[in-house]
Amino acid sequence: MIDASVQTSGDLGRAIRARRKEVKLSIATLAAMLGCSPRFLSEVERGKETASVGRVIEIARALGLELHIATKS
């Protein structure tokens, strides 16, 4: 189970990578499932700031992750 506070694109990428590894998927397998390149997934996992928000949400959803927005206390 992944439970992480996301403050940067790097935080989000690390959470995505941790979940991908948790469910035992290779970058190549996940890329094939999503119809994108392994390079793109690798860049997202490394915190690529220019990645499309929609595409990143799609990746998270495919891995069973939910994204929540909360007011910072």
N, C-alpha and C. Protein backbone atom coordinates (compact mmCIF):
# COMPACT_ATOMS: atom_id res chain seq x y z
N MET A 1 0.85 -1.18 0.00
CA MET A 1 0.00 0.00 0.00
C MET A 1 0.90 1.24 0.00
N ILE A 2 0.58 2.18 -0.85
CA ILE A 2 1.33 3.42 -0.95
C ILE A 2 0.51 4.52 -0.29
N ASP A 3 1.13 5.26 0.61
CA ASP A 3 0.50 6.42 1.23
C ASP A 3 1.57 7.49 1.30
N ALA A 4 1.49 8.47 0.42
CA ALA A 4 2.57 9.44 0.33
C ALA A 4 2.03 10.85 0.15
N SER A 5 2.71 11.79 0.76
CA SER A 5 2.41 13.19 0.54
C SER A 5 3.18 13.62 -0.72
N VAL A 6 2.47 14.24 -1.64
CA VAL A 6 3.08 14.65 -2.91
C VAL A 6 3.18 16.17 -2.94
N GLN A 7 4.41 16.65 -2.96
CA GLN A 7 4.67 18.08 -3.02
C GLN A 7 5.33 18.48 -4.34
N THR A 8 5.95 17.51 -5.01
CA THR A 8 6.67 17.78 -6.25
C THR A 8 6.38 16.68 -7.27
N SER A 9 6.75 16.95 -8.51
CA SER A 9 6.60 15.91 -9.54
C SER A 9 7.50 14.72 -9.21
N GLY A 10 8.62 14.97 -8.56
CA GLY A 10 9.50 13.88 -8.14
C GLY A 10 8.83 12.98 -7.12
N ASP A 11 8.09 13.58 -6.17
CA ASP A 11 7.34 12.79 -5.18
C ASP A 11 6.32 11.90 -5.87
N LEU A 12 5.60 12.47 -6.82
CA LEU A 12 4.60 11.70 -7.55
C LEU A 12 5.25 10.57 -8.34
N GLY A 13 6.34 10.87 -8.99
CA GLY A 13 7.05 9.84 -9.75
C GLY A 13 7.53 8.70 -8.88
N ARG A 14 8.06 9.03 -7.70
CA ARG A 14 8.52 7.99 -6.78
C ARG A 14 7.35 7.13 -6.29
N ALA A 15 6.19 7.74 -6.05
CA ALA A 15 5.02 6.98 -5.63
C ALA A 15 4.55 6.04 -6.74
N ILE A 16 4.57 6.53 -7.97
CA ILE A 16 4.19 5.70 -9.10
C ILE A 16 5.16 4.52 -9.25
N ARG A 17 6.45 4.81 -9.14
CA ARG A 17 7.46 3.74 -9.26
C ARG A 17 7.29 2.71 -8.14
N ALA A 18 7.08 3.18 -6.91
CA ALA A 18 6.90 2.26 -5.79
C ALA A 18 5.71 1.35 -6.01
N ARG A 19 4.61 1.91 -6.50
CA ARG A 19 3.41 1.10 -6.75
C ARG A 19 3.64 0.11 -7.89
N ARG A 20 4.32 0.57 -8.95
CA ARG A 20 4.60 -0.34 -10.08
C ARG A 20 5.41 -1.53 -9.59
N LYS A 21 6.40 -1.28 -8.76
CA LYS A 21 7.22 -2.36 -8.21
C LYS A 21 6.41 -3.24 -7.25
N GLU A 22 5.55 -2.61 -6.48
CA GLU A 22 4.70 -3.34 -5.53
C GLU A 22 3.82 -4.36 -6.25
N VAL A 23 3.30 -3.97 -7.42
CA VAL A 23 2.44 -4.89 -8.17
C VAL A 23 3.23 -5.73 -9.18
N LYS A 24 4.57 -5.60 -9.10
CA LYS A 24 5.49 -6.44 -9.88
C LYS A 24 5.31 -6.31 -11.39
N LEU A 25 5.21 -5.06 -11.85
CA LEU A 25 5.15 -4.79 -13.29
C LEU A 25 6.45 -4.14 -13.73
N SER A 26 6.97 -4.57 -14.86
CA SER A 26 8.14 -3.90 -15.42
C SER A 26 7.67 -2.63 -16.13
N ILE A 27 8.61 -1.74 -16.37
CA ILE A 27 8.27 -0.53 -17.13
C ILE A 27 7.76 -0.93 -18.51
N ALA A 28 8.39 -1.90 -19.14
CA ALA A 28 7.98 -2.33 -20.48
C ALA A 28 6.56 -2.87 -20.49
N THR A 29 6.21 -3.67 -19.49
CA THR A 29 4.87 -4.25 -19.42
C THR A 29 3.82 -3.16 -19.20
N LEU A 30 4.09 -2.26 -18.27
CA LEU A 30 3.13 -1.18 -18.01
C LEU A 30 2.99 -0.28 -19.23
N ALA A 31 4.09 0.02 -19.89
CA ALA A 31 4.04 0.84 -21.10
C ALA A 31 3.18 0.19 -22.16
N ALA A 32 3.33 -1.11 -22.34
CA ALA A 32 2.52 -1.83 -23.33
C ALA A 32 1.03 -1.77 -22.95
N MET A 33 0.74 -1.90 -21.67
CA MET A 33 -0.66 -1.83 -21.21
C MET A 33 -1.27 -0.46 -21.50
N LEU A 34 -0.46 0.58 -21.36
CA LEU A 34 -0.95 1.95 -21.50
C LEU A 34 -0.79 2.52 -22.91
N GLY A 35 -0.04 1.83 -23.76
CA GLY A 35 0.18 2.33 -25.11
C GLY A 35 1.12 3.53 -25.14
N CYS A 36 2.10 3.53 -24.27
CA CYS A 36 3.10 4.60 -24.28
C CYS A 36 4.49 3.96 -24.28
N SER A 37 5.51 4.79 -24.35
CA SER A 37 6.86 4.24 -24.42
C SER A 37 7.42 4.00 -23.02
N PRO A 38 8.28 3.01 -22.90
CA PRO A 38 8.96 2.80 -21.61
C PRO A 38 9.76 4.03 -21.19
N ARG A 39 10.33 4.74 -22.16
CA ARG A 39 11.09 5.95 -21.86
C ARG A 39 10.20 6.99 -21.17
N PHE A 40 8.98 7.18 -21.70
CA PHE A 40 8.07 8.14 -21.09
C PHE A 40 7.77 7.76 -19.63
N LEU A 41 7.47 6.48 -19.39
CA LEU A 41 7.19 6.04 -18.02
C LEU A 41 8.40 6.27 -17.12
N SER A 42 9.57 5.98 -17.62
CA SER A 42 10.79 6.20 -16.85
C SER A 42 10.93 7.68 -16.49
N GLU A 43 10.64 8.55 -17.44
CA GLU A 43 10.72 9.99 -17.18
C GLU A 43 9.70 10.43 -16.14
N VAL A 44 8.50 9.89 -16.21
CA VAL A 44 7.47 10.21 -15.21
C VAL A 44 7.95 9.77 -13.83
N GLU A 45 8.50 8.56 -13.74
CA GLU A 45 8.98 8.05 -12.46
C GLU A 45 10.14 8.88 -11.92
N ARG A 46 10.87 9.55 -12.79
CA ARG A 46 11.97 10.41 -12.36
C ARG A 46 11.51 11.85 -12.14
N GLY A 47 10.20 12.09 -12.25
CA GLY A 47 9.65 13.40 -11.91
C GLY A 47 9.59 14.40 -13.04
N LYS A 48 9.44 13.92 -14.27
CA LYS A 48 9.37 14.82 -15.41
C LYS A 48 8.27 15.86 -15.20
N GLU A 49 8.66 17.11 -15.12
CA GLU A 49 7.71 18.18 -14.82
C GLU A 49 6.80 18.54 -15.98
N THR A 50 7.19 18.22 -17.19
CA THR A 50 6.38 18.59 -18.35
C THR A 50 5.45 17.47 -18.82
N ALA A 51 5.37 16.39 -18.05
CA ALA A 51 4.46 15.30 -18.42
C ALA A 51 3.02 15.78 -18.32
N SER A 52 2.19 15.35 -19.24
CA SER A 52 0.78 15.70 -19.25
C SER A 52 0.10 15.21 -17.96
N VAL A 53 -0.63 16.10 -17.32
CA VAL A 53 -1.34 15.73 -16.10
C VAL A 53 -2.30 14.58 -16.38
N GLY A 54 -3.00 14.66 -17.48
CA GLY A 54 -3.95 13.60 -17.83
C GLY A 54 -3.28 12.25 -17.99
N ARG A 55 -2.11 12.26 -18.60
CA ARG A 55 -1.38 11.01 -18.82
C ARG A 55 -0.87 10.44 -17.49
N VAL A 56 -0.40 11.31 -16.61
CA VAL A 56 0.08 10.87 -15.30
C VAL A 56 -1.08 10.29 -14.48
N ILE A 57 -2.24 10.92 -14.54
CA ILE A 57 -3.42 10.39 -13.85
C ILE A 57 -3.79 9.03 -14.41
N GLU A 58 -3.70 8.88 -15.72
CA GLU A 58 -3.99 7.59 -16.36
C GLU A 58 -3.03 6.51 -15.85
N ILE A 59 -1.76 6.84 -15.73
CA ILE A 59 -0.77 5.89 -15.22
C ILE A 59 -1.12 5.50 -13.78
N ALA A 60 -1.40 6.50 -12.96
CA ALA A 60 -1.75 6.23 -11.56
C ALA A 60 -2.98 5.33 -11.47
N ARG A 61 -3.99 5.63 -12.25
CA ARG A 61 -5.22 4.84 -12.24
C ARG A 61 -4.95 3.39 -12.65
N ALA A 62 -4.12 3.20 -13.67
CA ALA A 62 -3.79 1.86 -14.14
C ALA A 62 -3.09 1.05 -13.05
N LEU A 63 -2.41 1.73 -12.16
CA LEU A 63 -1.71 1.06 -11.06
C LEU A 63 -2.58 0.94 -9.81
N GLY A 64 -3.82 1.39 -9.89
CA GLY A 64 -4.72 1.30 -8.75
C GLY A 64 -4.50 2.40 -7.72
N LEU A 65 -3.87 3.49 -8.14
CA LEU A 65 -3.65 4.62 -7.24
C LEU A 65 -4.77 5.64 -7.39
N GLU A 66 -5.14 6.28 -6.28
CA GLU A 66 -6.08 7.37 -6.30
C GLU A 66 -5.33 8.63 -5.91
N LEU A 67 -5.61 9.73 -6.58
CA LEU A 67 -5.00 11.01 -6.24
C LEU A 67 -6.04 11.85 -5.50
N HIS A 68 -5.65 12.41 -4.36
CA HIS A 68 -6.53 13.25 -3.55
C HIS A 68 -5.88 14.62 -3.37
N ILE A 69 -6.70 15.62 -3.33
CA ILE A 69 -6.23 16.98 -3.06
C ILE A 69 -6.78 17.38 -1.70
N ALA A 70 -5.91 17.94 -0.87
CA ALA A 70 -6.31 18.36 0.47
C ALA A 70 -5.70 19.71 0.78
N THR A 71 -6.36 20.44 1.64
CA THR A 71 -5.83 21.71 2.11
C THR A 71 -4.68 21.42 3.06
N LYS A 72 -3.58 22.13 2.85
CA LYS A 72 -2.41 21.96 3.70
C LYS A 72 -2.69 22.57 5.06
N SER A 73 -2.41 21.83 6.12
CA SER A 73 -2.69 22.35 7.46
C SER A 73 -1.49 23.04 8.07
